[in-house]
C-alpha cells in the first residue's frame, strides 16, 4: 500500500510534474519525474484514463502500479515527484510486465534528471 504522504494529490502538482519533468515511456506506461527538495518525501500520482478500459480494469491497473511504486518509494524516500500514465496496453499486461516497465521508466527518468541537473550546474541550458 502507498501511504497518503507519498501520493501526488493536487492538479497543480500533477501539472508541474508532467509539464516540467523528465519523461520516459514504454509499451504500457509513460512516467514523468520531477526533482523536488531532498527534505520533501517522494510522491507518486497515477493517470489511468477511460481508454485503458472499464472501471474494474482501470482499478486493477492502478492497484498494480501502486504496488510497483510502493517498492520504488522505499528505494527513493525523498526528493522526487513521479506521475505514471497508464496506456491502453496496460489493461492486458500482466503484473511482471507492468513492474518491469515501471522500473525501466523510473531508471530512465532518473538518468535524465541527473543529466539535466549536471548541465544546469555547469551553466548549460537544458
Protein backbone atom coordinates (compact mmCIF):
# COMPACT_ATOMS: atom_id res chain seq x y z
CA UNK A 1 0.00 0.00 0.00
CA UNK A 2 1.18 3.51 -0.78
CA UNK A 3 0.75 5.91 2.18
CA UNK A 4 -1.07 9.19 1.53
CA UNK A 5 2.09 11.18 2.27
CA UNK A 6 3.65 9.55 -0.81
CA UNK A 7 0.84 10.42 -3.24
CA UNK A 8 0.63 13.36 -5.64
CA UNK A 9 -2.83 14.77 -4.91
CA UNK A 10 -3.31 18.25 -6.38
CA UNK A 11 -3.84 19.25 -10.00
CA UNK A 12 -1.02 21.80 -9.70
CA UNK A 13 1.45 19.11 -8.63
CA UNK A 14 0.34 16.82 -11.47
CA UNK A 15 0.68 19.66 -13.99
CA UNK A 16 4.12 20.72 -12.72
CA UNK A 17 5.44 17.17 -12.87
CA UNK A 18 4.06 16.43 -16.34
CA UNK A 19 5.00 19.78 -17.91
CA UNK A 20 8.37 20.42 -16.29
CA UNK A 21 9.64 16.93 -15.53
CA UNK A 22 11.63 14.38 -17.47
CA UNK A 23 9.65 11.76 -19.39
CA UNK A 24 10.19 8.14 -20.33
CA UNK A 25 7.76 5.73 -21.95
CA UNK A 26 7.34 2.05 -22.58
CA UNK A 27 4.55 0.00 -24.14
CA UNK A 28 2.30 0.09 -21.06
CA UNK A 29 3.21 3.26 -19.16
CA UNK A 30 4.68 6.73 -19.51
CA UNK A 31 6.45 8.04 -16.44
CA UNK A 32 7.12 11.71 -15.69
CA UNK A 33 9.59 12.66 -12.97
CA UNK A 34 10.32 15.98 -11.29
CA UNK A 35 13.10 16.68 -8.79
CA UNK A 36 11.91 18.26 -5.53
CA UNK A 37 13.81 19.25 -2.41
CA UNK A 38 15.56 16.48 -0.52
CA UNK A 39 13.52 17.33 2.58
CA UNK A 40 10.17 16.55 0.93
CA UNK A 41 9.01 12.93 0.63
CA UNK A 42 8.90 11.28 -2.77
CA UNK A 43 5.37 11.18 -4.14
CA UNK A 44 3.67 9.22 -6.91
CA UNK A 45 0.48 10.02 -8.83
CA UNK A 46 -1.45 7.99 -11.38
CA UNK A 47 -3.34 8.85 -14.55
CA UNK A 48 -5.45 5.95 -15.77
CA UNK A 49 -7.94 7.19 -18.36
CA UNK A 50 -11.05 5.58 -19.74
CA UNK A 51 -9.12 4.47 -22.80
CA UNK A 52 -7.50 1.82 -20.57
CA UNK A 53 -10.80 0.02 -20.01
CA UNK A 54 -13.84 -0.08 -17.78
CA UNK A 55 -13.74 0.88 -14.10
CA UNK A 56 -12.77 -2.59 -12.92
CA UNK A 57 -9.87 -2.79 -15.38
CA UNK A 58 -8.66 0.72 -14.53
CA UNK A 59 -8.67 -0.09 -10.82
CA UNK A 60 -6.72 -3.31 -11.37
CA UNK A 61 -4.11 -1.37 -13.35
CA UNK A 62 -3.94 1.32 -10.64
CA UNK A 63 -3.51 -1.27 -7.88
CA UNK A 64 -0.67 -2.94 -9.75
CA UNK A 65 1.07 0.35 -10.47
CA UNK A 66 0.56 1.49 -6.88
CA UNK A 67 2.25 -1.67 -5.64
CA UNK A 68 5.21 -1.19 -8.00
CA UNK A 69 5.53 2.43 -6.91
CA UNK A 70 5.42 1.49 -3.21
CA UNK A 71 8.55 -0.57 -3.75
CA UNK A 72 10.15 2.34 -5.63
CA UNK A 73 9.34 4.80 -2.81
CA UNK A 74 11.24 2.63 -0.32
CA UNK A 75 14.33 2.97 -2.53
CA UNK A 76 13.83 6.73 -3.10
CA UNK A 77 12.19 8.06 0.08
CA UNK A 78 12.70 11.76 -0.71
CA UNK A 79 13.33 14.23 -3.48
CA UNK A 80 11.06 13.12 -6.34
CA UNK A 81 7.55 13.62 -7.66
CA UNK A 82 6.51 11.00 -10.20
CA UNK A 83 3.36 10.75 -12.33
CA UNK A 84 2.58 7.45 -14.04
CA UNK A 85 0.26 7.50 -17.05
CA UNK A 86 -1.15 4.08 -17.94
CA UNK A 87 -1.54 3.44 -21.65
CA UNK A 88 -4.33 1.27 -23.14
CA UNK A 89 -1.95 -1.70 -23.47
CA UNK A 90 -1.65 -1.78 -19.66
CA UNK A 91 -5.11 -3.36 -19.47
CA UNK A 92 -3.80 -6.61 -20.98
CA UNK A 93 -0.37 -6.52 -19.34
CA UNK A 94 0.42 -8.90 -16.53
CA UNK A 95 1.91 -7.84 -13.21
CA UNK A 96 5.52 -8.63 -14.16
CA UNK A 97 5.34 -6.64 -17.37
CA UNK A 98 3.89 -3.59 -15.63
CA UNK A 99 6.53 -3.78 -12.92
CA UNK A 100 9.33 -4.12 -15.49
CA UNK A 101 8.00 -1.15 -17.48
CA UNK A 102 7.70 0.95 -14.31
CA UNK A 103 11.24 0.07 -13.24
CA UNK A 104 12.71 0.76 -16.68
CA UNK A 105 10.92 4.10 -16.96
CA UNK A 106 11.91 5.21 -13.46
CA UNK A 107 15.56 4.37 -14.17
CA UNK A 108 15.47 6.31 -17.46
CA UNK A 109 13.80 9.32 -15.83
CA UNK A 110 16.36 9.34 -13.01
CA UNK A 111 19.19 9.38 -15.58
CA UNK A 112 17.54 12.24 -17.48
CA UNK A 113 17.07 14.26 -14.29
CA UNK A 114 20.72 13.70 -13.31
CA UNK A 115 21.88 14.88 -16.75
CA UNK A 116 19.61 17.92 -16.51
CA UNK A 117 20.96 18.84 -13.05
CA UNK A 118 24.54 18.34 -14.22
CA UNK A 119 24.06 20.62 -17.22
CA UNK A 120 22.38 23.27 -15.06
CA UNK A 121 25.29 23.20 -12.60
CA UNK A 122 27.75 23.59 -15.46
CA UNK A 123 25.83 26.62 -16.68
CA UNK A 124 24.32 24.99 -19.75
CA UNK A 125 20.73 25.29 -20.84
CA UNK A 126 18.62 22.13 -20.84
